[in-house]
Amino acid sequence: MTVKREIVFATNNAHKLSEIREIMGEEWHVLSLSDIGCDVDIPETADTLQGNAEIKARFIKEHYGYDCFADDTGLMVDSLGGAPGVYSARYAGSNHDSVANMNLLLENMKGKKNRKAHFSTVIALIIGDTVRFFEGRVDGVITESPTGNGGFGYDPIFMPEECEVTFALMSAEEKNSISHRGRATAKLIEYLSQI
């Protein structure tokens, strides 16, 4: 029996944790913040995805000593000048209300013909003293209304360009194979497999 390698994923988001665990598969035992006794809501004060991911990873490394990785994800909508971007999780306020965020985005998109958007995820990995970054991106469009109950966040209104359904209508496996987080995590896994 192979021994699983262990790494901490610095998130309190159960949906993200579930996705990452599924993507990373059997070889990895991915620990959550609660697994290491961290119940701190780490502030995301940077103005870039990379900056926020690094803040979270450094916090865990400095306060708990674990090699770890953290991510930050944003939805960038062309006709809104790249908004909500780094503020995607807090678009409608600081309480991270996915439905409110989605409704506000749809309201702000009313009457706009250009519905192009993309999701980006940046992962910051800290092993020892080394920090590395991995980015994943998926292009698509914002739909006129939500469809599907799967996924989380903006998934019911984001349709990847290579598909005819929203992320929320896909199985976890289908979404992970093409998503921004899936693509960034694939790069992370490739790097980890070589060290």
C-alpha atoms as a PDB file:
ATOM      1  CA  MET A   1       0.000   0.000   0.000  1.00  0.00           C
ATOM      2  CA  THR A   2       1.409   3.389  -1.000  1.00  0.00           C
ATOM      3  CA  VAL A   3       1.708   6.043   1.668  1.00  0.00           C
ATOM      4  CA  LYS A   4      -0.185   9.202   0.843  1.00  0.00           C
ATOM      5  CA  ARG A   5       1.814  12.396   0.709  1.00  0.00           C
ATOM      6  CA  GLU A   6       0.451  15.108   2.996  1.00  0.00           C
ATOM      7  CA  ILE A   7      -0.019  18.797   2.291  1.00  0.00           C
ATOM      8  CA  VAL A   8      -2.150  21.601   3.726  1.00  0.00           C
ATOM      9  CA  PHE A   9      -4.609  23.531   1.558  1.00  0.00           C
ATOM     10  CA  ALA A  10      -5.129  26.910   3.240  1.00  0.00           C
ATOM     11  CA  THR A  11      -8.874  27.373   2.821  1.00  0.00           C
ATOM     12  CA  ASN A  12     -12.028  27.514   4.899  1.00  0.00           C
ATOM     13  CA  ASN A  13     -14.159  26.983   1.782  1.00  0.00           C
ATOM     14  CA  ALA A  14     -15.623  23.470   1.917  1.00  0.00           C
ATOM     15  CA  HIS A  15     -16.518  23.549  -1.801  1.00  0.00           C
ATOM     16  CA  LYS A  16     -12.949  24.409  -2.823  1.00  0.00           C
ATOM     17  CA  LEU A  17     -11.552  21.786  -0.474  1.00  0.00           C
ATOM     18  CA  SER A  18     -13.805  19.104  -1.946  1.00  0.00           C
ATOM     19  CA  GLU A  19     -12.826  20.052  -5.511  1.00  0.00           C
ATOM     20  CA  ILE A  20      -9.105  20.083  -4.715  1.00  0.00           C
ATOM     21  CA  ARG A  21      -9.256  16.731  -2.923  1.00  0.00           C
ATOM     22  CA  GLU A  22     -11.024  15.187  -5.905  1.00  0.00           C
ATOM     23  CA  ILE A  23      -8.550  16.665  -8.404  1.00  0.00           C
ATOM     24  CA  MET A  24      -5.472  15.642  -6.385  1.00  0.00           C
ATOM     25  CA  GLY A  25      -6.702  12.074  -6.094  1.00  0.00           C
ATOM     26  CA  GLU A  26      -5.548   9.127  -4.037  1.00  0.00           C
ATOM     27  CA  GLU A  27      -1.845   9.960  -3.850  1.00  0.00           C
ATOM     28  CA  TRP A  28      -2.374  13.047  -1.695  1.00  0.00           C
ATOM     29  CA  HIS A  29      -3.858  13.536   1.752  1.00  0.00           C
ATOM     30  CA  VAL A  30      -4.972  17.168   1.594  1.00  0.00           C
ATOM     31  CA  LEU A  31      -5.373  18.689   5.055  1.00  0.00           C
ATOM     32  CA  SER A  32      -7.794  21.555   5.609  1.00  0.00           C
ATOM     33  CA  LEU A  33      -7.296  24.470   7.985  1.00  0.00           C
ATOM     34  CA  SER A  34      -9.583  22.795  10.529  1.00  0.00           C
ATOM     35  CA  ASP A  35      -7.442  19.637  10.282  1.00  0.00           C
ATOM     36  CA  ILE A  36      -4.453  21.628  11.552  1.00  0.00           C
ATOM     37  CA  GLY A  37      -6.449  23.505  14.203  1.00  0.00           C
ATOM     38  CA  CYS A  38      -6.610  26.825  12.364  1.00  0.00           C
ATOM     39  CA  ASP A  39      -9.930  28.639  12.650  1.00  0.00           C
ATOM     40  CA  VAL A  40      -8.608  32.055  11.657  1.00  0.00           C
ATOM     41  CA  ASP A  41     -10.289  33.865   8.770  1.00  0.00           C
ATOM     42  CA  ILE A  42      -7.072  34.921   7.025  1.00  0.00           C
ATOM     43  CA  PRO A  43      -7.559  38.440   5.596  1.00  0.00           C
ATOM     44  CA  GLU A  44      -7.206  38.784   1.823  1.00  0.00           C
ATOM     45  CA  THR A  45      -5.868  42.308   1.544  1.00  0.00           C
ATOM     46  CA  ALA A  46      -3.928  42.163  -1.739  1.00  0.00           C
ATOM     47  CA  ASP A  47      -5.242  43.648  -4.974  1.00  0.00           C
ATOM     48  CA  THR A  48      -4.235  40.615  -7.065  1.00  0.00           C
ATOM     49  CA  LEU A  49      -5.144  36.940  -6.997  1.00  0.00           C
ATOM     50  CA  GLN A  50      -1.464  36.042  -6.679  1.00  0.00           C
ATOM     51  CA  GLY A  51      -1.045  38.386  -3.733  1.00  0.00           C
ATOM     52  CA  ASN A  52      -4.021  36.961  -1.838  1.00  0.00           C
ATOM     53  CA  ALA A  53      -2.949  33.367  -2.475  1.00  0.00           C
ATOM     54  CA  GLU A  54       0.533  34.146  -1.156  1.00  0.00           C
ATOM     55  CA  ILE A  55      -0.810  35.922   1.950  1.00  0.00           C
ATOM     56  CA  LYS A  56      -2.820  32.831   2.921  1.00  0.00           C
ATOM     57  CA  ALA A  57       0.000  30.371   2.244  1.00  0.00           C
ATOM     58  CA  ARG A  58       2.560  32.484   4.143  1.00  0.00           C
ATOM     59  CA  PHE A  59       0.209  32.827   7.118  1.00  0.00           C
ATOM     60  CA  ILE A  60      -0.036  29.046   7.496  1.00  0.00           C
ATOM     61  CA  LYS A  61       3.696  28.509   6.957  1.00  0.00           C
ATOM     62  CA  GLU A  62       4.653  31.206   9.478  1.00  0.00           C
ATOM     63  CA  HIS A  63       2.073  30.390  12.183  1.00  0.00           C
ATOM     64  CA  TYR A  64       1.721  26.608  11.848  1.00  0.00           C
ATOM     65  CA  GLY A  65       4.938  25.530  10.123  1.00  0.00           C
ATOM     66  CA  TYR A  66       3.324  23.406   7.428  1.00  0.00           C
ATOM     67  CA  ASP A  67       4.298  23.236   3.776  1.00  0.00           C
ATOM     68  CA  CYS A  68       1.099  24.335   2.148  1.00  0.00           C
ATOM     69  CA  PHE A  69      -0.676  25.891  -0.764  1.00  0.00           C
ATOM     70  CA  ALA A  70      -3.463  28.431  -1.062  1.00  0.00           C
ATOM     71  CA  ASP A  71      -5.457  29.754  -3.957  1.00  0.00           C
ATOM     72  CA  ASP A  72      -7.426  32.787  -4.948  1.00  0.00           C
ATOM     73  CA  THR A  73      -9.915  32.833  -7.757  1.00  0.00           C
ATOM     74  CA  GLY A  74     -11.625  35.624  -9.616  1.00  0.00           C
ATOM     75  CA  LEU A  75     -14.278  36.012 -12.279  1.00  0.00           C
ATOM     76  CA  MET A  76     -13.318  38.730 -14.747  1.00  0.00           C
ATOM     77  CA  VAL A  77     -16.140  40.079 -16.933  1.00  0.00           C
ATOM     78  CA  ASP A  78     -15.046  42.025 -20.025  1.00  0.00           C
ATOM     79  CA  SER A  79     -17.966  44.452 -20.180  1.00  0.00           C
ATOM     80  CA  LEU A  80     -17.569  45.278 -16.471  1.00  0.00           C
ATOM     81  CA  GLY A  81     -13.920  46.259 -16.884  1.00  0.00           C
ATOM     82  CA  GLY A  82     -12.684  42.999 -15.336  1.00  0.00           C
ATOM     83  CA  ALA A  83     -15.004  43.144 -12.308  1.00  0.00           C
ATOM     84  CA  PRO A  84     -15.689  41.499  -9.969  1.00  0.00           C
ATOM     85  CA  GLY A  85     -12.111  40.167 -10.275  1.00  0.00           C
ATOM     86  CA  VAL A  86     -10.205  39.914  -7.017  1.00  0.00           C
ATOM     87  CA  TYR A  87     -13.414  40.887  -5.166  1.00  0.00           C
ATOM     88  CA  SER A  88     -15.484  38.029  -6.636  1.00  0.00           C
ATOM     89  CA  ALA A  89     -16.284  36.374  -3.289  1.00  0.00           C
ATOM     90  CA  ARG A  90     -17.217  39.745  -1.724  1.00  0.00           C
ATOM     91  CA  TYR A  91     -18.874  41.375  -4.748  1.00  0.00           C
ATOM     92  CA  ALA A  92     -22.222  41.985  -3.017  1.00  0.00           C
ATOM     93  CA  GLY A  93     -20.742  42.493   0.452  1.00  0.00           C
ATOM     94  CA  SER A  94     -18.339  41.020   2.968  1.00  0.00           C
ATOM     95  CA  ASN A  95     -20.526  38.030   3.942  1.00  0.00           C
ATOM     96  CA  HIS A  96     -19.509  35.918   0.890  1.00  0.00           C
ATOM     97  CA  ASP A  97     -23.137  35.389  -0.239  1.00  0.00           C
ATOM     98  CA  SER A  98     -22.939  33.493  -3.545  1.00  0.00           C
ATOM     99  CA  VAL A  99     -26.567  34.121  -4.515  1.00  0.00           C
ATOM    100  CA  ALA A 100     -26.304  37.846  -3.791  1.00  0.00           C
ATOM    101  CA  ASN A 101     -23.027  38.024  -5.752  1.00  0.00           C
ATOM    102  CA  MET A 102     -24.617  36.265  -8.732  1.00  0.00           C
ATOM    103  CA  ASN A 103     -27.741  38.435  -8.647  1.00  0.00           C
ATOM    104  CA  LEU A 104     -25.689  41.637  -8.507  1.00  0.00           C
ATOM    105  CA  LEU A 105     -23.564  40.494 -11.437  1.00  0.00           C
ATOM    106  CA  LEU A 106     -26.637  39.662 -13.535  1.00  0.00           C
ATOM    107  CA  GLU A 107     -28.145  43.051 -12.621  1.00  0.00           C
ATOM    108  CA  ASN A 108     -24.942  44.823 -13.709  1.00  0.00           C
ATOM    109  CA  MET A 109     -24.925  42.841 -16.966  1.00  0.00           C
ATOM    110  CA  LYS A 110     -28.431  43.909 -18.013  1.00  0.00           C
ATOM    111  CA  GLY A 111     -28.425  45.321 -21.536  1.00  0.00           C
ATOM    112  CA  LYS A 112     -24.805  44.390 -22.213  1.00  0.00           C
ATOM    113  CA  LYS A 113     -24.223  42.533 -25.479  1.00  0.00           C
ATOM    114  CA  ASN A 114     -20.642  41.479 -24.709  1.00  0.00           C
ATOM    115  CA  ARG A 115     -21.007  38.677 -22.177  1.00  0.00           C
ATOM    116  CA  LYS A 116     -17.430  37.357 -22.414  1.00  0.00           C
ATOM    117  CA  ALA A 117     -15.735  36.499 -19.133  1.00  0.00           C
ATOM    118  CA  HIS A 118     -13.033  34.292 -17.710  1.00  0.00           C
ATOM    119  CA  PHE A 119     -12.217  32.620 -14.440  1.00  0.00           C
ATOM    120  CA  SER A 120      -8.629  32.677 -13.182  1.00  0.00           C
ATOM    121  CA  THR A 121      -7.167  30.749 -10.274  1.00  0.00           C
ATOM    122  CA  VAL A 122      -3.687  31.373  -8.878  1.00  0.00           C
ATOM    123  CA  ILE A 123      -2.188  28.836  -6.480  1.00  0.00           C
ATOM    124  CA  ALA A 124       0.706  29.809  -4.204  1.00  0.00           C
ATOM    125  CA  LEU A 125       2.765  26.839  -2.989  1.00  0.00           C
ATOM    126  CA  ILE A 126       5.264  27.176  -0.150  1.00  0.00           C
ATOM    127  CA  ILE A 127       7.664  24.311   0.453  1.00  0.00           C
ATOM    128  CA  GLY A 128      10.508  25.152   2.780  1.00  0.00           C
ATOM    129  CA  ASP A 129      11.563  28.671   1.857  1.00  0.00           C
ATOM    130  CA  THR A 130      10.443  28.442  -1.767  1.00  0.00           C
ATOM    131  CA  VAL A 131       7.271  30.047  -3.125  1.00  0.00           C
ATOM    132  CA  ARG A 132       5.928  28.985  -6.524  1.00  0.00           C
ATOM    133  CA  PHE A 133       2.821  30.059  -8.385  1.00  0.00           C
ATOM    134  CA  PHE A 134       0.550  28.118 -10.736  1.00  0.00           C
ATOM    135  CA  GLU A 135      -2.234  29.703 -12.760  1.00  0.00           C
ATOM    136  CA  GLY A 136      -5.273  28.270 -14.509  1.00  0.00           C
ATOM    137  CA  ARG A 137      -7.772  30.068 -16.706  1.00  0.00           C
ATOM    138  CA  VAL A 138     -10.995  29.198 -18.495  1.00  0.00           C
ATOM    139  CA  ASP A 139     -12.781  31.516 -20.927  1.00  0.00           C
ATOM    140  CA  GLY A 140     -16.513  31.620 -21.420  1.00  0.00           C
ATOM    141  CA  VAL A 141     -19.635  33.766 -21.193  1.00  0.00           C
ATOM    142  CA  ILE A 142     -22.084  34.960 -18.556  1.00  0.00           C
ATOM    143  CA  THR A 143     -25.519  33.476 -19.207  1.00  0.00           C
ATOM    144  CA  GLU A 144     -28.731  35.521 -19.017  1.00  0.00           C
ATOM    145  CA  SER A 145     -29.983  33.572 -15.998  1.00  0.00           C
ATOM    146  CA  PRO A 146     -28.788  30.831 -13.623  1.00  0.00           C
ATOM    147  CA  THR A 147     -29.079  27.175 -14.643  1.00  0.00           C
ATOM    148  CA  GLY A 148     -28.055  24.109 -12.649  1.00  0.00           C
ATOM    149  CA  ASN A 149     -27.593  23.282  -8.991  1.00  0.00           C
ATOM    150  CA  GLY A 150     -24.054  21.892  -9.014  1.00  0.00           C
ATOM    151  CA  GLY A 151     -20.783  23.603  -8.241  1.00  0.00           C
ATOM    152  CA  PHE A 152     -20.726  26.823  -6.220  1.00  0.00           C
ATOM    153  CA  GLY A 153     -20.251  30.571  -6.527  1.00  0.00           C
ATOM    154  CA  TYR A 154     -20.895  31.866 -10.028  1.00  0.00           C
ATOM    155  CA  ASP A 155     -21.083  28.365 -11.582  1.00  0.00           C
ATOM    156  CA  PRO A 156     -24.822  28.621 -12.495  1.00  0.00           C
ATOM    157  CA  ILE A 157     -24.176  31.664 -14.723  1.00  0.00           C
ATOM    158  CA  PHE A 158     -20.783  30.801 -16.267  1.00  0.00           C
ATOM    159  CA  MET A 159     -20.659  28.739 -19.451  1.00  0.00           C
ATOM    160  CA  PRO A 160     -17.152  27.742 -20.645  1.00  0.00           C
ATOM    161  CA  GLU A 161     -16.568  28.462 -24.331  1.00  0.00           C
ATOM    162  CA  GLU A 162     -15.989  24.796 -25.201  1.00  0.00           C
ATOM    163  CA  CYS A 163     -19.340  23.751 -23.678  1.00  0.00           C
ATOM    164  CA  GLU A 164     -23.051  24.371 -24.084  1.00  0.00           C
ATOM    165  CA  VAL A 165     -23.913  24.157 -20.387  1.00  0.00           C
ATOM    166  CA  THR A 166     -22.904  26.080 -17.277  1.00  0.00           C
ATOM    167  CA  PHE A 167     -20.436  24.724 -14.731  1.00  0.00           C
ATOM    168  CA  ALA A 168     -23.432  24.132 -12.441  1.00  0.00           C
ATOM    169  CA  LEU A 169     -24.892  21.578 -14.892  1.00  0.00           C
ATOM    170  CA  MET A 170     -21.680  19.539 -15.074  1.00  0.00           C
ATOM    171  CA  SER A 171     -20.585  16.628 -12.949  1.00  0.00           C
ATOM    172  CA  ALA A 172     -17.664  17.360 -10.627  1.00  0.00           C
ATOM    173  CA  GLU A 173     -15.425  15.293 -12.909  1.00  0.00           C
ATOM    174  CA  GLU A 174     -16.498  17.209 -16.032  1.00  0.00           C
ATOM    175  CA  LYS A 175     -15.992  20.572 -14.373  1.00  0.00           C
ATOM    176  CA  ASN A 176     -12.626  19.674 -12.840  1.00  0.00           C
ATOM    177  CA  SER A 177     -11.297  18.492 -16.223  1.00  0.00           C
ATOM    178  CA  ILE A 178     -11.637  21.972 -17.775  1.00  0.00           C
ATOM    179  CA  SER A 179     -11.989  24.451 -14.913  1.00  0.00           C
ATOM    180  CA  HIS A 180      -9.584  27.203 -13.917  1.00  0.00           C
ATOM    181  CA  ARG A 181      -8.950  25.472 -10.565  1.00  0.00           C
ATOM    182  CA  GLY A 182      -8.500  22.117 -12.292  1.00  0.00           C
ATOM    183  CA  ARG A 183      -5.938  23.583 -14.698  1.00  0.00           C
ATOM    184  CA  ALA A 184      -3.980  25.370 -11.951  1.00  0.00           C
ATOM    185  CA  THR A 185      -4.040  22.260  -9.761  1.00  0.00           C
ATOM    186  CA  ALA A 186      -2.806  20.076 -12.625  1.00  0.00           C
ATOM    187  CA  LYS A 187       0.278  22.317 -12.855  1.00  0.00           C
ATOM    188  CA  LEU A 188       0.706  22.100  -9.077  1.00  0.00           C
ATOM    189  CA  ILE A 189       0.504  18.291  -9.134  1.00  0.00           C
ATOM    190  CA  GLU A 190       2.979  18.088 -12.010  1.00  0.00           C
ATOM    191  CA  TYR A 191       5.458  20.187 -10.014  1.00  0.00           C
ATOM    192  CA  LEU A 192       4.932  18.230  -6.793  1.00  0.00           C
ATOM    193  CA  SER A 193       5.437  14.918  -8.572  1.00  0.00           C
ATOM    194  CA  GLN A 194       8.947  16.017  -9.570  1.00  0.00           C
ATOM    195  CA  ILE A 195      10.221  16.970  -6.115  1.00  0.00           C
END
